[in-house]
Amino acid sequence: LYYTGKLGNWSIDFNASYLHMKYMLSQQSTENSTELGNRDVASNGGQRSDLWAGKLVVTYPVGKGTLSFGSEYTHTKSVGFYVNNENYVPVSSTKLCEANIAGFADFSLPFGHYELDAGLRYEHVTTDYYSFGKREQEPSRRYGNIFPNLSLSWDKNLWSWQLSYTMKTSRPGYNNLRNFMQYDSRYLYEGGNPYLRPEYTYNVELSFEHKWLSASVDYDYVHKPMLHTFGLYDNQEIAYFSVRNMGHYQILSASVTASPTFSWYHPSWEIDYSQLFFREPTSLCSNHPSFSFILRNSLVIPHGWLAGIDLYGYTDSYEPIRRTAGLVTVNARLRKSFFKNRLVFLLQASDLTKGNRERWTYYGTDVISRKDANNFTRSISLTVTYNFNASRSRYKGTGAGNEEKKRL
């Protein structure tokens, strides 16, 4: 639901959203072992969530600048359970009710070739946590946080640059907040953590653009990050996969993109750099740089044809306790349009080199977990699209509680 309108110099933008989500899990498996014996395992679980959200933004001109302010409110209820019939892992039943009310203001002021933008957001969050219908004090949280943002940009002719600072938060997903333990096999369990706290990111970015060349440098400081970890369950030979908060880590990254145009040839070449700085005893992934090379090549052919071949190359990449192996893959596409772009045929071939393998290693406490798998991403597809009323566009609102939806 949305409303947009003007009242004199005041601009009003209101959005409201309701979201209902439900999923069920039913697992039946048989484990065969010559040493430990055979056994059957049956498990059931699920989660049901409801979200109500509303957001109001009011904009008003102040001198040469523009002032925007408003409020956003979300209310979420998430109920989940997990049952293992053989009682290899304990039964769980949880309910989380969370209310988040925020007020924000932003002021932008152009002067000459410069523009200054400053904003402030305050959030007050109340979370009530229930286990088997009983409210538990420790996982029930109260938060009150201020999140500032500031940017200065310059634009003249074909040159532009921007320097910005942002503080933001990422709150744990509701599935991760559940107090459940899921049985995957006799050697692997996974579960949630109701004691998770939000992580906070402080970002500084400098970006530059001139004609078809752009570049950026980013620095992120992440406080109390939520990280997936491996450890031993109850000192047994069982790996336990869960999420917990750790101290902090830093990431330095940079990117350069060139998108020139040569008549019928429209390439886009991108080089990215990233380096993690993380100090934890269990981490073997710190202080290693990673790079990616993306070469997109588009060929504009007469009579409505468009062809392209793209190359993606990645070196080994690093997260705080995970290393992902590099890969090289090639995609191709051929596009043909008819009737002034109303009818479009798109033929695509993905992962021609069959190099898009999923290969990673988790370094946990007394546990190392590895995966090396072909996810069968090599494919050929044909998509046919017909656009009705292609020349028309209709505003559909921006929605409310968009960040909260991601947690469900």
Protein backbone atom coordinates (compact mmCIF):
# COMPACT_ATOMS: atom_id res chain seq x y z
CA LEU A 1 0.00 0.00 0.00
CA TYR A 2 1.40 3.41 -0.91
CA TYR A 3 0.48 7.06 -1.24
CA THR A 4 2.41 9.91 -2.85
CA GLY A 5 1.26 13.51 -3.03
CA LYS A 6 2.09 17.17 -2.60
CA LEU A 7 0.70 19.76 -0.24
CA GLY A 8 2.10 23.11 -1.30
CA ASN A 9 5.89 22.73 -1.10
CA TRP A 10 5.57 19.60 1.02
CA SER A 11 6.05 16.21 -0.65
CA ILE A 12 4.57 13.19 1.12
CA ASP A 13 5.53 9.56 0.50
CA PHE A 14 3.84 6.84 2.57
CA ASN A 15 4.29 3.06 2.24
CA ALA A 16 2.86 0.16 4.20
CA SER A 17 3.62 -3.56 3.86
CA TYR A 18 2.40 -6.87 5.23
CA LEU A 19 4.35 -10.09 4.68
CA HIS A 20 3.48 -13.64 5.71
CA MET A 21 6.03 -16.43 5.30
CA LYS A 22 5.82 -20.10 6.19
CA TYR A 23 8.02 -23.09 5.46
CA MET A 24 8.07 -26.68 6.71
CA LEU A 25 10.93 -29.18 6.83
CA SER A 26 10.46 -32.96 6.85
CA GLN A 27 13.55 -35.17 6.81
CA GLN A 28 13.62 -38.96 6.54
CA SER A 29 16.99 -40.66 6.25
CA THR A 30 18.70 -44.00 6.78
CA GLU A 31 22.31 -44.20 7.94
CA ASN A 32 24.27 -47.35 7.13
CA SER A 33 27.49 -48.13 9.01
CA THR A 34 29.40 -51.43 9.37
CA GLU A 35 31.12 -50.16 12.53
CA LEU A 36 28.33 -48.20 14.28
CA GLY A 37 25.26 -49.99 12.99
CA ASN A 38 22.35 -48.82 10.88
CA ARG A 39 19.67 -46.41 12.04
CA ASP A 40 16.70 -44.44 10.73
CA VAL A 41 16.31 -40.72 11.49
CA ALA A 42 13.09 -38.71 11.19
CA SER A 43 12.90 -34.95 11.83
CA ASN A 44 10.33 -32.23 11.38
CA GLY A 45 10.61 -28.46 11.69
CA GLY A 46 9.23 -25.21 10.44
CA GLN A 47 8.95 -21.48 10.85
CA ARG A 48 6.04 -19.06 10.45
CA SER A 49 6.60 -15.29 10.33
CA ASP A 50 4.38 -12.21 10.03
CA LEU A 51 5.66 -8.69 9.37
CA TRP A 52 3.75 -5.39 9.51
CA ALA A 53 5.59 -2.24 8.44
CA GLY A 54 4.91 1.41 7.68
CA LYS A 55 7.15 4.24 6.46
CA LEU A 56 6.45 7.97 6.04
CA VAL A 57 8.86 10.38 4.33
CA VAL A 58 8.21 14.12 4.10
CA THR A 59 10.35 16.39 1.88
CA TYR A 60 10.50 20.19 2.02
CA PRO A 61 12.80 22.73 0.30
CA VAL A 62 14.94 24.77 2.72
CA GLY A 63 16.81 27.58 0.97
CA LYS A 64 18.83 26.00 -1.81
CA GLY A 65 18.76 22.64 -0.08
CA THR A 66 16.23 19.89 0.55
CA LEU A 67 15.17 18.53 3.93
CA SER A 68 13.73 15.02 4.22
CA PHE A 69 12.50 13.50 7.45
CA GLY A 70 10.15 10.80 8.57
CA SER A 71 9.59 7.66 10.57
CA GLU A 72 9.49 3.90 10.01
CA TYR A 73 7.88 1.21 12.14
CA THR A 74 8.09 -2.58 11.86
CA HIS A 75 6.53 -5.31 13.98
CA THR A 76 7.56 -8.93 13.43
CA LYS A 77 6.42 -12.19 14.99
CA SER A 78 8.33 -15.36 14.13
CA VAL A 79 7.44 -18.82 15.50
CA GLY A 80 9.57 -21.92 14.89
CA PHE A 81 9.96 -25.51 16.07
CA TYR A 82 12.15 -28.56 15.47
CA VAL A 83 11.50 -32.17 16.51
CA ASN A 84 13.75 -35.21 16.09
CA ASN A 85 11.71 -38.37 16.74
CA GLU A 86 14.68 -40.38 17.97
CA ASN A 87 15.79 -37.59 20.36
CA TYR A 88 19.34 -37.44 19.02
CA VAL A 89 18.99 -33.66 19.40
CA PRO A 90 16.65 -31.82 21.80
CA VAL A 91 13.20 -30.56 20.81
CA SER A 92 12.85 -26.77 20.37
CA SER A 93 9.92 -24.35 20.26
CA THR A 94 10.61 -20.62 20.02
CA LYS A 95 8.71 -17.39 19.42
CA LEU A 96 10.25 -13.98 18.77
CA CYS A 97 8.32 -10.71 18.80
CA GLU A 98 10.24 -7.62 17.71
CA ALA A 99 9.19 -3.98 17.33
CA ASN A 100 11.45 -1.40 15.67
CA ILE A 101 10.55 2.28 15.56
CA ALA A 102 12.91 4.68 13.79
CA GLY A 103 13.07 8.40 13.14
CA PHE A 104 15.35 9.89 10.49
CA ALA A 105 16.28 13.16 8.83
CA ASP A 106 18.45 14.02 5.83
CA PHE A 107 19.56 17.38 4.46
CA SER A 108 21.21 17.92 1.07
CA LEU A 109 22.69 21.26 0.02
CA PRO A 110 24.20 22.01 -3.42
CA PHE A 111 26.70 24.88 -3.67
CA GLY A 112 28.54 25.47 -6.91
CA HIS A 113 29.89 22.20 -8.21
CA TYR A 114 29.65 20.63 -4.75
CA GLU A 115 26.84 18.94 -2.87
CA LEU A 116 26.78 18.16 0.84
CA ASP A 117 24.47 15.49 2.24
CA ALA A 118 24.10 14.75 5.95
CA GLY A 119 21.68 12.41 7.68
CA LEU A 120 20.85 10.87 11.02
CA ARG A 121 18.72 7.85 11.91
CA TYR A 122 17.67 6.72 15.39
CA GLU A 123 16.30 3.22 16.01
CA HIS A 124 14.72 1.80 19.14
CA VAL A 125 14.31 -1.99 19.05
CA THR A 126 12.45 -4.19 21.52
CA THR A 127 12.73 -7.99 21.24
CA ASP A 128 10.83 -10.50 23.39
CA TYR A 129 12.02 -14.11 23.25
CA TYR A 130 9.90 -17.11 24.28
CA SER A 131 10.94 -20.75 24.62
CA PHE A 132 8.08 -23.27 24.96
CA GLY A 133 5.76 -20.34 25.72
CA LYS A 134 7.87 -18.90 28.55
CA ARG A 135 9.57 -15.52 28.17
CA GLU A 136 13.32 -15.64 28.74
CA GLN A 137 15.04 -12.54 30.06
CA GLU A 138 18.57 -12.88 28.68
CA PRO A 139 17.74 -13.31 24.93
CA SER A 140 15.08 -10.55 25.18
CA ARG A 141 16.83 -7.37 24.04
CA ARG A 142 16.43 -3.60 24.09
CA TYR A 143 18.49 -1.47 21.70
CA GLY A 144 18.70 2.26 21.07
CA ASN A 145 21.18 3.35 18.39
CA ILE A 146 22.03 6.44 16.32
CA PHE A 147 23.32 5.93 12.77
CA PRO A 148 24.88 8.97 11.02
CA ASN A 149 25.82 9.38 7.38
CA LEU A 150 27.75 12.17 5.65
CA SER A 151 28.87 12.68 2.05
CA LEU A 152 30.51 15.40 -0.04
CA SER A 153 30.43 15.21 -3.84
CA TRP A 154 31.86 17.30 -6.67
CA ASP A 155 30.71 17.29 -10.29
CA LYS A 156 32.00 19.38 -13.21
CA ASN A 157 31.78 18.64 -16.91
CA LEU A 158 32.70 14.95 -17.24
CA TRP A 159 34.51 14.70 -13.88
CA SER A 160 32.99 13.72 -10.55
CA TRP A 161 34.05 12.34 -7.19
CA GLN A 162 32.42 11.60 -3.85
CA LEU A 163 33.64 11.00 -0.29
CA SER A 164 31.17 9.41 2.12
CA TYR A 165 30.93 7.99 5.63
CA THR A 166 28.15 5.65 6.78
CA MET A 167 27.37 3.74 9.94
CA LYS A 168 24.84 0.93 9.66
CA THR A 169 23.73 -2.21 11.46
CA SER A 170 22.87 -5.74 10.43
CA ARG A 171 20.57 -7.65 12.75
CA PRO A 172 20.53 -11.46 12.96
CA GLY A 173 18.04 -13.38 10.89
CA TYR A 174 15.13 -14.91 12.77
CA ASN A 175 16.13 -18.43 11.82
CA ASN A 176 19.56 -17.87 13.38
CA LEU A 177 17.96 -16.51 16.56
CA ARG A 178 15.95 -19.69 17.16
CA ASN A 179 17.12 -22.02 19.92
CA PHE A 180 17.11 -25.13 17.76
CA MET A 181 19.56 -27.89 16.96
CA GLN A 182 19.12 -29.62 13.60
CA TYR A 183 20.33 -33.15 12.96
CA ASP A 184 22.15 -33.48 9.62
CA SER A 185 24.09 -36.70 10.24
CA ARG A 186 25.68 -38.55 13.14
CA TYR A 187 28.79 -36.40 12.56
CA LEU A 188 27.17 -33.03 11.85
CA TYR A 189 24.62 -30.88 13.72
CA GLU A 190 23.69 -27.27 13.06
CA GLY A 191 21.72 -24.80 15.11
CA GLY A 192 20.72 -21.27 16.03
CA ASN A 193 21.87 -18.89 18.73
CA PRO A 194 19.29 -16.81 20.63
CA TYR A 195 22.10 -14.77 22.21
CA LEU A 196 23.25 -13.25 18.93
CA ARG A 197 23.65 -9.49 18.91
CA PRO A 198 23.61 -7.09 15.92
CA GLU A 199 26.81 -6.26 14.10
CA TYR A 200 27.80 -2.67 13.26
CA THR A 201 29.65 -1.53 10.14
CA TYR A 202 31.55 1.76 9.79
CA ASN A 203 32.21 2.49 6.12
CA VAL A 204 34.34 5.14 4.40
CA GLU A 205 34.25 5.28 0.59
CA LEU A 206 35.98 7.45 -1.98
CA SER A 207 34.73 7.15 -5.56
CA PHE A 208 35.76 8.81 -8.83
CA GLU A 209 34.29 8.92 -12.35
CA HIS A 210 35.44 10.43 -15.64
CA LYS A 211 33.64 9.65 -18.89
CA TRP A 212 33.80 5.84 -19.19
CA LEU A 213 36.31 5.29 -16.36
CA SER A 214 35.32 4.87 -12.70
CA ALA A 215 37.16 3.81 -9.56
CA SER A 216 36.44 3.47 -5.85
CA VAL A 217 38.21 2.67 -2.58
CA ASP A 218 36.33 1.29 0.45
CA TYR A 219 37.23 0.71 4.07
CA ASP A 220 34.93 -1.25 6.40
CA TYR A 221 35.30 -1.75 10.13
CA VAL A 222 32.86 -4.40 11.36
CA HIS A 223 32.23 -4.54 15.12
CA LYS A 224 30.87 -7.74 16.72
CA PRO A 225 30.38 -9.53 13.37
CA MET A 226 27.99 -12.47 13.19
CA LEU A 227 30.05 -15.36 11.83
CA HIS A 228 29.23 -18.97 10.99
CA THR A 229 31.53 -21.18 13.05
CA PHE A 230 32.38 -24.86 13.44
CA GLY A 231 33.21 -26.57 16.74
CA LEU A 232 32.80 -29.86 18.57
CA TYR A 233 29.43 -30.62 20.13
CA ASP A 234 29.76 -31.52 23.82
CA ASN A 235 33.39 -32.65 23.21
CA GLN A 236 32.13 -35.50 21.05
CA GLU A 237 33.22 -36.40 17.54
CA ILE A 238 30.34 -34.34 16.17
CA ALA A 239 30.86 -31.09 14.27
CA TYR A 240 28.45 -28.33 15.32
CA PHE A 241 27.75 -25.51 12.86
CA SER A 242 26.27 -22.33 14.31
CA VAL A 243 26.54 -18.51 14.36
CA ARG A 244 28.15 -16.35 17.02
CA ASN A 245 29.51 -12.84 17.49
CA MET A 246 33.25 -12.27 17.41
CA GLY A 247 35.42 -9.22 18.12
CA HIS A 248 35.89 -7.27 14.90
CA TYR A 249 37.46 -7.37 11.46
CA GLN A 250 38.41 -4.86 8.77
CA ILE A 251 38.17 -5.00 4.98
CA LEU A 252 40.01 -2.81 2.49
CA SER A 253 38.74 -2.98 -1.08
CA ALA A 254 39.15 -1.15 -4.38
CA SER A 255 37.58 -1.36 -7.81
CA VAL A 256 38.35 0.02 -11.28
CA THR A 257 35.85 -0.20 -14.16
CA ALA A 258 36.34 0.88 -17.78
CA SER A 259 33.36 0.95 -20.16
CA PRO A 260 34.45 2.58 -23.44
CA THR A 261 32.42 2.43 -26.65
CA PHE A 262 33.99 1.52 -30.00
CA SER A 263 31.27 1.75 -32.63
CA TRP A 264 29.77 -1.79 -32.60
CA TYR A 265 31.93 -3.02 -29.69
CA HIS A 266 30.82 -2.12 -26.13
CA PRO A 267 33.16 -3.67 -23.56
CA SER A 268 33.14 -3.33 -19.77
CA TRP A 269 36.29 -4.36 -17.94
CA GLU A 270 36.39 -4.51 -14.15
CA ILE A 271 39.18 -5.30 -11.68
CA ASP A 272 38.44 -5.67 -7.96
CA TYR A 273 40.74 -5.99 -4.97
CA SER A 274 39.83 -6.98 -1.42
CA GLN A 275 41.87 -7.74 1.69
CA LEU A 276 40.67 -8.96 5.06
CA PHE A 277 42.28 -8.06 8.39
CA PHE A 278 41.06 -10.34 11.18
CA ARG A 279 42.77 -11.35 14.41
CA GLU A 280 41.30 -14.49 15.94
CA PRO A 281 43.16 -17.65 17.07
CA THR A 282 40.97 -19.87 14.87
CA SER A 283 41.37 -17.77 11.74
CA LEU A 284 43.82 -18.81 9.04
CA CYS A 285 42.36 -16.39 6.51
CA SER A 286 43.73 -13.02 7.61
CA ASN A 287 45.84 -10.59 5.63
CA HIS A 288 45.47 -12.37 2.29
CA PRO A 289 44.48 -10.25 -0.73
CA SER A 290 41.98 -11.46 -3.31
CA PHE A 291 41.26 -10.24 -6.83
CA SER A 292 38.54 -10.61 -9.41
CA PHE A 293 38.63 -9.87 -13.13
CA ILE A 294 35.35 -9.41 -15.02
CA LEU A 295 35.49 -8.87 -18.78
CA ARG A 296 32.09 -8.21 -20.37
CA ASN A 297 32.08 -7.90 -24.15
CA SER A 298 28.97 -6.81 -26.07
CA LEU A 299 28.71 -6.72 -29.85
CA VAL A 300 25.96 -4.60 -31.44
CA ILE A 301 24.99 -6.28 -34.71
CA PRO A 302 22.63 -4.67 -37.27
CA HIS A 303 18.93 -5.54 -37.50
CA GLY A 304 18.35 -5.74 -33.72
CA TRP A 305 20.94 -8.38 -32.84
CA LEU A 306 23.12 -8.18 -29.72
CA ALA A 307 25.82 -10.74 -28.90
CA GLY A 308 28.07 -11.02 -25.89
CA ILE A 309 30.68 -13.16 -24.22
CA ASP A 310 31.73 -12.59 -20.62
CA LEU A 311 34.74 -13.87 -18.71
CA TYR A 312 34.75 -14.06 -14.90
CA GLY A 313 37.95 -14.85 -13.02
CA TYR A 314 38.37 -14.97 -9.24
CA THR A 315 41.40 -15.73 -7.11
CA ASP A 316 41.00 -17.38 -3.71
CA SER A 317 38.79 -15.18 -1.52
CA TYR A 318 38.76 -14.92 2.26
CA GLU A 319 36.15 -14.39 4.93
CA PRO A 320 37.03 -14.34 8.64
CA ILE A 321 37.07 -18.14 9.05
CA ARG A 322 36.42 -19.35 5.49
CA ARG A 323 38.53 -19.61 2.36
CA THR A 324 36.81 -19.98 -1.03
CA ALA A 325 38.85 -21.32 -3.93
CA GLY A 326 39.19 -19.26 -7.09
CA LEU A 327 37.56 -20.09 -10.40
CA VAL A 328 37.30 -19.05 -14.04
CA THR A 329 34.07 -19.28 -16.01
CA VAL A 330 32.73 -18.03 -19.35
CA ASN A 331 29.14 -17.10 -20.28
CA ALA A 332 27.73 -16.23 -23.71
CA ARG A 333 24.47 -14.68 -24.91
CA LEU A 334 22.63 -13.78 -28.10
CA ARG A 335 19.68 -11.35 -28.10
CA LYS A 336 17.24 -10.46 -30.86
CA SER A 337 14.37 -7.98 -30.54
CA PHE A 338 11.31 -7.38 -32.71
CA PHE A 339 8.48 -4.82 -32.92
CA LYS A 340 10.40 -1.96 -31.28
CA ASN A 341 11.67 -4.08 -28.37
CA ARG A 342 8.24 -5.51 -27.52
CA LEU A 343 9.24 -9.08 -28.40
CA VAL A 344 12.68 -10.26 -27.23
CA PHE A 345 14.46 -13.61 -27.71
CA LEU A 346 17.44 -14.23 -25.41
CA LEU A 347 19.66 -17.29 -25.87
CA GLN A 348 22.17 -17.82 -23.04
CA ALA A 349 24.95 -20.32 -22.36
CA SER A 350 26.32 -20.37 -18.82
CA ASP A 351 29.61 -21.73 -17.49
CA LEU A 352 30.96 -22.90 -20.84
CA THR A 353 34.29 -23.93 -19.28
CA LYS A 354 32.58 -25.91 -16.47
CA GLY A 355 34.77 -24.00 -14.02
CA ASN A 356 32.11 -22.74 -11.61
CA ARG A 357 32.79 -25.25 -8.84
CA GLU A 358 31.89 -24.65 -5.20
CA ARG A 359 35.08 -25.16 -3.21
CA TRP A 360 35.55 -23.81 0.31
CA THR A 361 37.16 -24.58 3.66
CA TYR A 362 35.88 -23.56 7.11
CA TYR A 363 38.47 -23.31 9.89
CA GLY A 364 36.69 -23.94 13.20
CA THR A 365 37.70 -24.84 16.73
CA ASP A 366 39.07 -28.41 16.51
CA VAL A 367 37.11 -28.81 13.27
CA ILE A 368 38.00 -28.21 9.62
CA SER A 369 35.15 -28.56 7.11
CA ARG A 370 35.67 -28.69 3.35
CA LYS A 371 33.43 -28.85 0.30
CA ASP A 372 34.34 -29.47 -3.32
CA ALA A 373 31.31 -29.86 -5.55
CA ASN A 374 30.05 -29.27 -9.06
CA ASN A 375 26.68 -27.53 -8.73
CA PHE A 376 25.80 -28.16 -12.38
CA THR A 377 25.72 -24.50 -13.39
CA ARG A 378 26.60 -25.36 -17.01
CA SER A 379 23.41 -24.73 -18.96
CA ILE A 380 21.74 -23.39 -22.09
CA SER A 381 18.50 -21.43 -21.86
CA LEU A 382 16.11 -19.61 -24.18
CA THR A 383 13.94 -16.82 -22.78
CA VAL A 384 11.11 -15.25 -24.77
CA THR A 385 9.66 -11.97 -23.47
CA TYR A 386 6.77 -9.91 -24.74
CA ASN A 387 6.27 -6.44 -23.21
CA PHE A 388 2.69 -5.17 -23.04
CA ASN A 389 2.33 -1.38 -22.82
CA ALA A 390 6.11 -1.11 -22.98
CA SER A 391 6.04 2.68 -23.24
CA ARG A 392 4.11 3.11 -19.99
CA SER A 393 5.56 3.14 -16.49
CA ARG A 394 3.63 3.13 -13.26
CA TYR A 395 4.91 3.94 -9.80
CA LYS A 396 4.41 0.96 -7.51
CA GLY A 397 5.74 2.30 -4.23
CA THR A 398 9.01 1.54 -2.49
CA GLY A 399 7.64 -0.66 0.30
CA ALA A 400 8.27 -0.49 4.03
CA GLY A 401 10.40 -2.66 6.30
CA ASN A 402 12.63 -3.73 3.40
CA GLU A 403 15.64 -4.47 5.66
CA GLU A 404 13.41 -6.43 8.03
CA LYS A 405 12.14 -8.59 5.16
CA LYS A 406 15.69 -9.81 4.51
CA ARG A 407 15.86 -11.22 8.06
CA LEU A 408 12.93 -13.53 7.39
